[in-house]
């Protein structure tokens, strides 16, 4: 029996602007209905363009004051690290909110709080390691300095599938760089991001450095993207919306960092240990209900081992428990909303109509409340089918076959995406060839979805621009300034005698 319960009344939230919690200027609100339980679990400010412009103005004024950017890196480190500690202290509260808002299993949400806190810890170390360079080899009377300076006000727009985790891949690193921020979390899962404002205030962050607004992409997100007072925009979400962000950001040629969609292959060669990889495959597709940009939604397997693999993966997937996300034993919770539920079912129906074979699931789960879809597996999938090309963002696995390594590479690279990929083989030559040939920002060999704050994350092709995490992630939030210093006399005869 779970100690986590659905609350009797919804949580009431406010925006966080200039160090205080405030209502929207219109006093309008919107509600969120739990996808797993069907009841209203949160009421949030409905922010408008006026609210967004005000938050941007606060962030700009705070940045220009230089209080935060001029603070010693060691002092910024202490505040960022304190925030990590508070996230850990409040992990159960934050995890429950995310489970209620998103439908994800509570056990997974608890893990995500620790992952998020770990990124804040890592970002704290980056605050102490910002350093430029000096070049003394450009002439005996000339010294060149390369300075790194914070980019300024950063607009951050985050999705609904990993609310606190994804803002934690952006915000603490921007703070380590000395930037200020205006944040718009998804209107479906804004709760933990709004609470993050109070966490940062408790940690000692100066007022105005971080400002958080709940509301819709239009007007809040698009105002951030188009504003001439915002110096950079970082967005995680769909490729289609990412393209809108880029067009809006052209207004003042602001820096843009995008983490977008994926249709990620796991390529299995004949020498792979099938028994050892089955659990990773099932985890890769059903983790977070498949609502994950890194979802391993395509299996590309050599035809000689495909039949045995299919039998084993189906049997293992049958053990995956789907249901009430507050049940600690549940692995697959509720689909985020009716629109996404319908989209997933449309893809399942399209797979059937295009000739693929449903080997498991393919139907909604019987439930009195909430949106649930059975873990689904398709075989006989061809590379040009919709279920093989499009990001479904649901618990739907497609199995494709290949004969040669060249065919495997062609199938793997045959979508517009290039976020991540996996290779399963005992052969070092095969593994190295695949890591070089696959068009993806991350390639896992004999594992799936391992990740560390120290390792960069991001995509190629239409999966994004730039990188999050890793030692160079802070450079996304910096500008490079060249300073050339002349010593001694300054001779000159350009005009002539």
Protein backbone atom coordinates (compact mmCIF):
# COMPACT_ATOMS: atom_id res chain seq x y z
CA UNK A 1 0.00 0.00 0.00
CA UNK A 2 1.38 3.36 -1.04
CA UNK A 3 1.95 6.12 1.50
CA UNK A 4 1.32 8.62 -1.31
CA UNK A 5 -2.29 9.74 -1.66
CA UNK A 6 -4.34 11.90 -3.97
CA UNK A 7 -4.94 15.17 -2.07
CA UNK A 8 -8.46 16.13 -1.03
CA UNK A 9 -8.15 19.55 -2.64
CA UNK A 10 -5.97 21.00 -5.37
CA UNK A 11 -2.71 22.77 -4.66
CA UNK A 12 -2.81 26.53 -5.28
CA UNK A 13 0.24 28.04 -7.00
CA UNK A 14 1.54 31.51 -7.83
CA UNK A 15 4.08 32.91 -10.24
CA UNK A 16 7.54 33.70 -8.88
CA UNK A 17 8.78 37.16 -9.92
CA UNK A 18 11.49 39.34 -8.37
CA UNK A 19 11.85 37.07 -5.36
CA UNK A 20 8.14 36.92 -4.43
CA UNK A 21 5.14 34.76 -5.21
CA UNK A 22 2.48 36.75 -7.07
CA UNK A 23 -0.76 36.17 -8.97
CA UNK A 24 -1.08 36.91 -12.67
CA UNK A 25 -1.94 40.53 -13.50
CA UNK A 26 -5.40 39.44 -14.64
CA UNK A 27 -5.93 37.21 -11.58
CA UNK A 28 -7.02 34.51 -14.02
CA UNK A 29 -6.09 30.89 -13.33
CA UNK A 30 -6.24 27.51 -15.00
CA UNK A 31 -6.53 23.98 -13.63
CA UNK A 32 -4.78 20.68 -14.15
CA UNK A 33 -6.66 17.39 -13.99
CA UNK A 34 -4.59 14.39 -12.97
CA UNK A 35 -4.24 12.03 -15.95
CA UNK A 36 -4.04 9.08 -13.59
CA UNK A 37 -6.96 9.91 -11.31
CA UNK A 38 -9.27 12.34 -13.08
CA UNK A 39 -9.49 14.96 -10.34
CA UNK A 40 -8.27 18.57 -10.25
CA UNK A 41 -4.86 18.57 -8.55
CA UNK A 42 -3.60 22.10 -9.18
CA UNK A 43 -4.65 25.70 -9.89
CA UNK A 44 -2.08 27.98 -11.51
CA UNK A 45 -1.81 31.62 -12.62
CA UNK A 46 -2.78 32.19 -16.26
CA UNK A 47 0.03 34.52 -17.25
CA UNK A 48 -0.28 36.88 -20.21
CA UNK A 49 2.04 39.05 -22.30
CA UNK A 50 2.02 41.80 -19.67
CA UNK A 51 3.20 39.33 -17.00
CA UNK A 52 5.87 38.01 -19.33
CA UNK A 53 7.18 41.46 -20.27
CA UNK A 54 7.31 42.39 -16.58
CA UNK A 55 9.29 39.24 -15.70
CA UNK A 56 11.69 39.91 -18.58
CA UNK A 57 12.14 43.50 -17.39
CA UNK A 58 12.96 42.28 -13.86
CA UNK A 59 15.46 39.75 -15.20
CA UNK A 60 17.09 42.39 -17.43
CA UNK A 61 17.36 44.96 -14.66
CA UNK A 62 18.80 42.34 -12.31
CA UNK A 63 21.36 41.25 -14.87
CA UNK A 64 22.45 44.83 -15.54
CA UNK A 65 22.91 45.39 -11.82
CA UNK A 66 25.69 42.75 -12.03
CA UNK A 67 25.01 41.59 -8.46
CA UNK A 68 24.77 37.99 -9.59
CA UNK A 69 27.21 37.95 -12.51
CA UNK A 70 29.90 39.77 -10.52
CA UNK A 71 29.54 37.47 -7.52
CA UNK A 72 32.54 35.22 -6.98
CA UNK A 73 32.09 31.80 -8.52
CA UNK A 74 32.63 30.24 -5.12
CA UNK A 75 29.66 32.18 -3.73
CA UNK A 76 27.41 31.22 -6.66
CA UNK A 77 28.51 27.63 -6.05
CA UNK A 78 27.28 27.70 -2.44
CA UNK A 79 23.81 28.88 -3.45
CA UNK A 80 23.46 26.35 -6.28
CA UNK A 81 24.64 23.54 -4.02
CA UNK A 82 22.23 24.61 -1.28
CA UNK A 83 19.39 24.37 -3.82
CA UNK A 84 20.43 20.77 -4.53
CA UNK A 85 20.21 19.97 -0.82
CA UNK A 86 16.72 21.48 -0.52
CA UNK A 87 15.51 19.50 -3.56
CA UNK A 88 16.66 16.34 -1.78
CA UNK A 89 14.96 17.39 1.47
CA UNK A 90 11.66 17.97 -0.36
CA UNK A 91 11.96 15.03 -2.75
CA UNK A 92 8.78 13.25 -1.67
CA UNK A 93 6.66 16.41 -1.90
CA UNK A 94 8.04 17.25 -5.35
CA UNK A 95 7.76 13.68 -6.63
CA UNK A 96 4.09 13.45 -5.61
CA UNK A 97 3.29 16.67 -7.47
CA UNK A 98 4.96 15.37 -10.63
CA UNK A 99 3.18 12.04 -10.42
CA UNK A 100 -0.19 13.72 -10.00
CA UNK A 101 0.40 16.21 -12.81
CA UNK A 102 2.10 13.94 -15.35
CA UNK A 103 0.89 10.41 -14.58
CA UNK A 104 4.43 9.04 -14.20
CA UNK A 105 5.02 6.29 -11.60
CA UNK A 106 5.87 7.59 -8.14
CA UNK A 107 8.95 5.37 -7.85
CA UNK A 108 10.32 6.92 -11.04
CA UNK A 109 9.46 10.45 -9.91
CA UNK A 110 11.41 9.90 -6.68
CA UNK A 111 14.43 8.77 -8.70
CA UNK A 112 14.13 11.88 -10.86
CA UNK A 113 14.37 14.16 -7.82
CA UNK A 114 17.76 12.65 -7.01
CA UNK A 115 18.89 12.89 -10.65
CA UNK A 116 17.85 16.55 -10.70
CA UNK A 117 19.66 17.33 -7.44
CA UNK A 118 22.77 15.65 -8.83
CA UNK A 119 22.79 18.05 -11.78
CA UNK A 120 22.54 21.04 -9.41
CA UNK A 121 25.54 19.63 -7.51
CA UNK A 122 27.49 19.29 -10.74
CA UNK A 123 26.51 22.77 -11.95
CA UNK A 124 27.77 24.18 -8.66
CA UNK A 125 31.26 22.94 -9.52
CA UNK A 126 31.09 24.65 -12.94
CA UNK A 127 30.61 28.03 -11.24
CA UNK A 128 34.18 27.79 -9.95
CA UNK A 129 35.74 26.72 -13.23
CA UNK A 130 34.80 29.50 -15.64
CA UNK A 131 38.05 30.67 -17.15
CA UNK A 132 39.14 32.46 -20.28
CA UNK A 133 42.60 32.35 -21.80
CA UNK A 134 45.65 34.50 -22.47
CA UNK A 135 47.72 34.56 -25.65
CA UNK A 136 51.18 36.14 -25.35
CA UNK A 137 52.34 34.90 -28.74
CA UNK A 138 50.87 37.66 -30.93
CA UNK A 139 53.81 40.04 -30.62
CA UNK A 140 56.23 41.15 -27.93
CA UNK A 141 54.22 44.31 -27.25
CA UNK A 142 50.76 42.76 -27.44
CA UNK A 143 48.79 40.58 -25.03
CA UNK A 144 45.48 39.02 -26.03
CA UNK A 145 42.92 37.93 -23.43
CA UNK A 146 39.91 35.78 -24.20
CA UNK A 147 37.19 36.46 -21.65
CA UNK A 148 34.01 34.49 -21.04
CA UNK A 149 31.04 36.62 -20.02
CA UNK A 150 27.44 35.58 -19.27
CA UNK A 151 25.08 35.93 -22.22
CA UNK A 152 22.48 37.83 -20.18
CA UNK A 153 18.76 37.08 -19.79
CA UNK A 154 17.88 33.49 -20.72
CA UNK A 155 14.33 32.46 -21.58
CA UNK A 156 13.69 28.81 -20.68
CA UNK A 157 10.74 26.81 -22.00
CA UNK A 158 10.39 23.28 -20.68
CA UNK A 159 8.13 20.29 -21.47
CA UNK A 160 5.74 18.18 -19.45
CA UNK A 161 7.46 14.80 -19.45
CA UNK A 162 10.33 15.50 -16.99
CA UNK A 163 9.46 18.86 -15.41
CA UNK A 164 12.04 19.33 -12.66
CA UNK A 165 14.69 17.19 -14.32
CA UNK A 166 14.74 19.15 -17.58
CA UNK A 167 14.76 22.60 -15.98
CA UNK A 168 17.65 21.22 -13.92
CA UNK A 169 19.55 20.54 -17.15
CA UNK A 170 19.33 24.25 -17.97
CA UNK A 171 18.85 26.57 -15.02
CA UNK A 172 21.68 25.69 -12.61
CA UNK A 173 24.22 25.81 -15.44
CA UNK A 174 22.93 29.21 -16.59
CA UNK A 175 23.12 30.39 -12.97
CA UNK A 176 26.68 29.10 -12.68
CA UNK A 177 27.50 31.24 -15.74
CA UNK A 178 26.07 34.34 -14.06
CA UNK A 179 22.91 34.69 -16.18
CA UNK A 180 19.41 35.64 -15.09
CA UNK A 181 16.34 33.73 -16.29
CA UNK A 182 12.64 33.78 -17.09
CA UNK A 183 11.10 30.31 -17.12
CA UNK A 184 7.89 28.97 -18.61
CA UNK A 185 7.20 25.36 -17.65
CA UNK A 186 4.60 23.31 -19.51
CA UNK A 187 1.05 24.25 -18.59
CA UNK A 188 0.42 20.55 -17.90
CA UNK A 189 3.15 20.13 -15.27
CA UNK A 190 4.13 23.54 -13.83
CA UNK A 191 3.94 22.72 -10.13
CA UNK A 192 7.50 21.71 -9.24
CA UNK A 193 9.06 24.44 -11.39
CA UNK A 194 6.97 27.09 -9.64
CA UNK A 195 8.06 25.69 -6.27
CA UNK A 196 11.66 25.89 -7.46
CA UNK A 197 11.45 29.68 -7.08
CA UNK A 198 10.93 29.38 -3.33
CA UNK A 199 13.66 26.74 -3.10
CA UNK A 200 16.13 29.13 -4.74
CA UNK A 201 15.12 32.01 -2.47
CA UNK A 202 15.67 29.78 0.55
CA UNK A 203 19.07 28.83 -0.88
CA UNK A 204 20.06 32.51 -0.97
CA UNK A 205 19.55 33.47 -4.62
CA UNK A 206 19.19 37.25 -5.00
CA UNK A 207 15.74 38.54 -5.98
CA UNK A 208 15.10 38.90 -9.69
CA UNK A 209 17.71 36.40 -10.87
CA UNK A 210 15.09 33.69 -11.55
CA UNK A 211 11.49 34.44 -12.54
CA UNK A 212 8.90 31.72 -13.23
CA UNK A 213 5.53 32.06 -15.00
CA UNK A 214 2.83 29.47 -15.60
CA UNK A 215 0.69 29.76 -18.69
CA UNK A 216 0.46 28.76 -22.33
CA UNK A 217 3.03 28.77 -25.10
CA UNK A 218 1.14 31.61 -26.70
CA UNK A 219 1.52 34.23 -25.28
CA UNK A 220 4.16 33.40 -22.64
CA UNK A 221 6.55 31.18 -24.59
CA UNK A 222 6.34 33.12 -27.83
CA UNK A 223 6.83 36.44 -26.00
CA UNK A 224 10.01 35.05 -24.49
CA UNK A 225 11.23 33.79 -27.85
CA UNK A 226 10.51 37.06 -29.68
CA UNK A 227 11.53 39.58 -27.00
CA UNK A 228 14.46 41.83 -27.86
CA UNK A 229 15.27 41.98 -24.12
CA UNK A 230 15.92 38.23 -23.96
CA UNK A 231 19.48 37.35 -24.99
CA UNK A 232 19.10 33.59 -25.31
CA UNK A 233 16.32 31.03 -25.51
CA UNK A 234 16.65 27.40 -24.48
CA UNK A 235 13.79 25.06 -25.33
CA UNK A 236 13.06 21.38 -24.87
CA UNK A 237 10.09 19.95 -26.74
CA UNK A 238 8.92 18.87 -30.16
CA UNK A 239 10.82 19.58 -33.37
CA UNK A 240 7.80 21.38 -34.82
CA UNK A 241 7.59 23.85 -31.92
CA UNK A 242 11.38 24.20 -31.93
CA UNK A 243 11.17 25.57 -35.48
CA UNK A 244 8.62 28.18 -34.33
CA UNK A 245 11.02 29.16 -31.53
CA UNK A 246 13.88 29.67 -34.02
CA UNK A 247 11.73 31.87 -36.26
CA UNK A 248 10.61 34.01 -33.33
CA UNK A 249 14.16 34.24 -31.96
CA UNK A 250 15.38 35.74 -35.24
CA UNK A 251 13.78 39.01 -34.09
CA UNK A 252 17.00 39.99 -32.30
CA UNK A 253 19.25 37.09 -33.39
CA UNK A 254 19.37 35.75 -29.84
CA UNK A 255 21.30 32.61 -29.08
CA UNK A 256 19.17 29.45 -29.36
CA UNK A 257 19.66 26.06 -27.71
CA UNK A 258 17.17 23.31 -28.59
CA UNK A 259 16.67 19.76 -27.34
CA UNK A 260 14.02 18.26 -29.60
CA UNK A 261 12.51 14.96 -30.67
CA UNK A 262 13.96 11.53 -31.35
CA UNK A 263 13.14 8.25 -33.06
CA UNK A 264 15.93 6.33 -31.46
CA UNK A 265 17.15 2.95 -32.74
CA UNK A 266 18.60 0.06 -30.79
CA UNK A 267 20.62 -2.02 -33.25
CA UNK A 268 21.12 -5.65 -32.27
CA UNK A 269 23.78 -7.78 -33.98
CA UNK A 270 23.81 -11.61 -34.08
CA UNK A 271 26.61 -11.91 -31.53
CA UNK A 272 24.80 -9.83 -28.90
CA UNK A 273 23.73 -11.46 -25.63
CA UNK A 274 19.97 -11.40 -26.14
CA UNK A 275 19.16 -12.52 -22.60
CA UNK A 276 21.27 -9.69 -21.17
CA UNK A 277 19.74 -6.93 -23.30
CA UNK A 278 16.03 -7.76 -23.05
CA UNK A 279 15.45 -5.79 -19.86
CA UNK A 280 17.24 -2.73 -21.30
CA UNK A 281 15.03 -2.87 -24.40
CA UNK A 282 11.84 -3.07 -22.33
CA UNK A 283 13.02 -0.28 -20.05
CA UNK A 284 14.04 1.82 -23.06
CA UNK A 285 10.59 1.85 -24.61
CA UNK A 286 8.26 1.76 -21.58
CA UNK A 287 10.14 4.10 -19.24
CA UNK A 288 7.94 7.16 -18.58
CA UNK A 289 5.18 5.54 -20.69
CA UNK A 290 7.36 6.05 -23.76
CA UNK A 291 6.88 9.80 -23.32
CA UNK A 292 10.60 10.39 -23.55
CA UNK A 293 12.77 11.97 -26.26
CA UNK A 294 15.32 9.19 -25.65
CA UNK A 295 12.75 6.42 -25.95
CA UNK A 296 14.27 3.36 -27.65
CA UNK A 297 11.25 3.02 -29.91
CA UNK A 298 12.93 1.23 -32.84
CA UNK A 299 14.59 -2.17 -32.60
CA UNK A 300 16.73 -2.87 -35.66
CA UNK A 301 17.77 -6.51 -35.34
CA UNK A 302 19.63 -8.97 -37.54
CA UNK A 303 17.18 -11.33 -39.18
CA UNK A 304 19.05 -14.43 -37.92
CA UNK A 305 18.18 -13.69 -34.28
CA UNK A 306 14.92 -11.77 -34.71
CA UNK A 307 12.51 -14.63 -33.94
CA UNK A 308 14.11 -15.60 -30.64
CA UNK A 309 14.39 -11.94 -29.64
CA UNK A 310 10.71 -11.26 -30.36
CA UNK A 311 9.59 -14.17 -28.19
CA UNK A 312 11.75 -13.05 -25.27
CA UNK A 313 10.92 -9.35 -25.45
CA UNK A 314 7.17 -10.10 -25.59
CA UNK A 315 7.38 -12.36 -22.53
CA UNK A 316 9.39 -9.78 -20.60
CA UNK A 317 7.09 -6.91 -21.59
CA UNK A 318 4.11 -8.87 -20.29
CA UNK A 319 5.60 -8.53 -16.79
CA UNK A 320 5.55 -4.72 -16.93
CA UNK A 321 2.92 -3.51 -14.49
CA UNK A 322 0.68 -0.73 -15.81
CA UNK A 323 -1.77 1.22 -13.67
CA UNK A 324 -2.18 3.69 -10.82
CA UNK A 325 1.03 5.77 -10.79
CA UNK A 326 0.86 6.11 -6.99
CA UNK A 327 1.39 2.33 -6.67
CA UNK A 328 5.16 1.92 -6.03
CA UNK A 329 5.20 -1.35 -8.03
CA UNK A 330 3.80 0.23 -11.20
CA UNK A 331 6.26 0.79 -14.06
CA UNK A 332 3.94 2.35 -16.68
CA UNK A 333 1.55 5.05 -15.52
CA UNK A 334 -1.01 7.24 -17.23
CA UNK A 335 -0.74 9.02 -20.58
CA UNK A 336 -0.42 12.78 -20.07
CA UNK A 337 -3.75 13.87 -21.61
CA UNK A 338 -6.54 12.94 -24.04
CA UNK A 339 -4.78 14.52 -27.02
CA UNK A 340 -1.63 12.45 -26.54
CA UNK A 341 -3.71 9.34 -25.82
CA UNK A 342 -5.57 9.79 -29.12
CA UNK A 343 -2.33 10.43 -31.00
CA UNK A 344 -0.78 7.19 -29.71
CA UNK A 345 -3.88 5.19 -30.62
CA UNK A 346 -3.87 6.74 -34.11
CA UNK A 347 -0.29 5.54 -34.61
CA UNK A 348 -1.19 2.06 -33.38
CA UNK A 349 -4.09 1.93 -35.85
CA UNK A 350 -1.85 3.27 -38.62
CA UNK A 351 0.72 0.52 -37.93
CA UNK A 352 -2.00 -2.11 -38.30
CA UNK A 353 -3.41 -0.55 -41.49
CA UNK A 354 0.08 -0.30 -43.03
CA UNK A 355 0.73 -4.00 -42.54
CA UNK A 356 2.66 -4.31 -39.27
CA UNK A 357 1.68 -7.07 -36.83
CA UNK A 358 0.64 -6.35 -33.23
CA UNK A 359 2.42 -8.92 -31.07
CA UNK A 360 1.46 -7.39 -27.72
CA UNK A 361 -1.00 -4.79 -26.47
CA UNK A 362 -2.28 -2.27 -28.94
CA UNK A 363 -5.32 -1.33 -26.87
CA UNK A 364 -6.32 1.04 -24.09
CA UNK A 365 -6.11 -0.46 -20.63
CA UNK A 366 -9.44 -1.00 -18.90
CA UNK A 367 -9.63 1.66 -16.20
CA UNK A 368 -12.39 3.58 -14.46
CA UNK A 369 -10.23 6.71 -14.27
CA UNK A 370 -7.28 7.97 -16.25
CA UNK A 371 -5.68 7.39 -19.64
CA UNK A 372 -3.76 4.14 -19.94
CA UNK A 373 -2.42 2.24 -22.95
CA UNK A 374 -1.09 -1.29 -22.82
CA UNK A 375 2.62 -1.79 -23.55
CA UNK A 376 2.58 -2.47 -27.30
CA UNK A 377 4.95 -4.34 -29.63
CA UNK A 378 4.85 -4.41 -33.45
CA UNK A 379 6.74 -6.83 -35.67
CA UNK A 380 6.95 -6.98 -39.49
CA UNK A 381 7.66 -3.24 -39.47
CA UNK A 382 9.09 -1.64 -42.62
CA UNK A 383 11.34 1.46 -42.52
CA UNK A 384 8.84 3.65 -44.37
CA UNK A 385 5.90 2.99 -42.02
CA UNK A 386 4.72 5.85 -39.85
CA UNK A 387 5.42 3.88 -36.67
CA UNK A 388 9.03 3.45 -37.85
CA UNK A 389 9.61 7.09 -38.83
CA UNK A 390 7.60 9.33 -36.51
CA UNK A 391 8.09 10.11 -32.84
CA UNK A 392 5.02 8.53 -31.23
CA UNK A 393 5.81 9.51 -27.62
CA UNK A 394 4.01 6.50 -26.23
CA UNK A 395 4.57 2.85 -25.17
CA UNK A 396 4.88 1.49 -28.72
CA UNK A 397 7.88 -0.59 -29.85
CA UNK A 398 8.60 -1.30 -33.53
CA UNK A 399 10.82 -4.22 -34.56
CA UNK A 400 12.64 -3.98 -37.91
CA UNK A 401 15.06 -6.49 -39.44
CA UNK A 402 18.33 -6.10 -41.33
CA UNK A 403 20.71 -8.37 -43.26
CA UNK A 404 23.96 -6.37 -43.46
CA UNK A 405 25.68 -3.71 -41.39
CA UNK A 406 25.18 -1.26 -44.25
CA UNK A 407 21.44 -1.87 -44.19
CA UNK A 408 21.36 -1.42 -40.40
CA UNK A 409 23.12 1.95 -40.75
CA UNK A 410 20.74 3.05 -43.52
CA UNK A 411 17.66 2.16 -41.46
CA UNK A 412 19.08 3.77 -38.30
CA UNK A 413 19.81 7.05 -40.11
CA UNK A 414 16.61 6.98 -42.15
CA UNK A 415 14.62 9.53 -40.12
CA UNK A 416 14.83 13.29 -39.64
CA UNK A 417 15.99 12.74 -36.06
CA UNK A 418 19.46 12.20 -34.58
CA UNK A 419 19.16 12.26 -30.82
CA UNK A 420 20.39 8.89 -29.54
CA UNK A 421 21.02 5.30 -30.58
CA UNK A 422 22.13 1.99 -29.10
CA UNK A 423 24.38 -0.77 -30.42
CA UNK A 424 24.42 -4.29 -29.02
CA UNK A 425 27.42 -6.41 -30.07
CA UNK A 426 30.45 -8.16 -28.58
CA UNK A 427 32.58 -7.22 -31.59
CA UNK A 428 34.74 -4.12 -31.07
CA UNK A 429 35.10 -3.44 -34.81
CA UNK A 430 31.34 -3.50 -35.30
CA UNK A 431 30.77 -1.26 -32.30
CA UNK A 432 33.31 1.34 -33.43
CA UNK A 433 32.02 1.38 -37.02
CA UNK A 434 28.49 1.95 -35.77
CA UNK A 435 29.45 4.74 -33.35
CA UNK A 436 31.11 6.58 -36.24
CA UNK A 437 28.37 6.00 -38.82
CA UNK A 438 25.23 6.55 -36.76
CA UNK A 439 23.92 10.11 -36.93
CA UNK A 440 23.10 10.73 -33.27
CA UNK A 441 24.28 12.95 -30.45
CA UNK A 442 24.60 9.98 -28.07
CA UNK A 443 25.43 6.37 -28.93
CA UNK A 444 25.20 3.73 -26.21
CA UNK A 445 27.11 0.47 -26.68
CA UNK A 446 25.77 -2.55 -24.76
CA UNK A 447 23.62 -0.33 -22.52
CA UNK A 448 20.68 2.03 -22.91
CA UNK A 449 19.93 5.48 -21.50
CA UNK A 450 22.80 5.71 -19.06
CA UNK A 451 23.50 9.36 -18.35
CA UNK A 452 25.70 11.52 -16.15
CA UNK A 453 25.82 15.27 -15.50
CA UNK A 454 29.45 15.17 -16.66
CA UNK A 455 28.54 13.91 -20.17
CA UNK A 456 27.08 16.21 -22.88
CA UNK A 457 23.56 15.56 -24.13
CA UNK A 458 21.92 16.82 -27.32
CA UNK A 459 20.99 15.91 -30.86
CA UNK A 460 22.03 16.05 -34.49
CA UNK A 461 19.86 16.80 -37.54
CA UNK A 462 16.34 17.87 -36.45
CA UNK A 463 16.85 16.67 -32.88
CA UNK A 464 18.31 19.97 -31.76
CA UNK A 465 21.00 22.61 -31.52
CA UNK A 466 23.71 22.81 -28.88
CA UNK A 467 24.41 20.60 -25.89
CA UNK A 468 23.25 20.37 -22.29
CA UNK A 469 25.27 18.92 -19.41
CA UNK A 470 28.98 18.20 -19.40
CA UNK A 471 31.86 20.61 -18.77
CA UNK A 472 31.19 22.60 -21.94
CA UNK A 473 27.46 23.13 -21.30
CA UNK A 474 28.24 26.36 -19.49
CA UNK A 475 29.66 27.76 -22.74
CA UNK A 476 26.11 27.73 -24.17
CA UNK A 477 25.32 30.51 -21.65
CA UNK A 478 28.50 32.52 -22.26
CA UNK A 479 29.79 34.93 -24.87
CA UNK A 480 33.45 35.04 -25.89
CA UNK A 481 35.09 38.47 -25.71
CA UNK A 482 38.52 39.18 -27.15
CA UNK A 483 40.64 41.87 -25.45
CA UNK A 484 43.93 43.03 -27.05
CA UNK A 485 46.32 45.07 -24.89
CA UNK A 486 49.21 47.04 -26.39
CA UNK A 487 52.23 47.91 -24.23
CA UNK A 488 54.82 50.57 -24.93
CA UNK A 489 54.63 53.23 -27.65
CA UNK A 490 51.98 53.06 -30.33
CA UNK A 491 53.78 53.85 -33.60
CA UNK A 492 51.79 54.53 -36.72
CA UNK A 493 52.30 55.88 -40.21
CA UNK A 494 49.11 54.83 -41.97
CA UNK A 495 48.45 58.29 -43.40
CA UNK A 496 52.07 58.71 -44.42
CA UNK A 497 54.38 61.76 -44.35
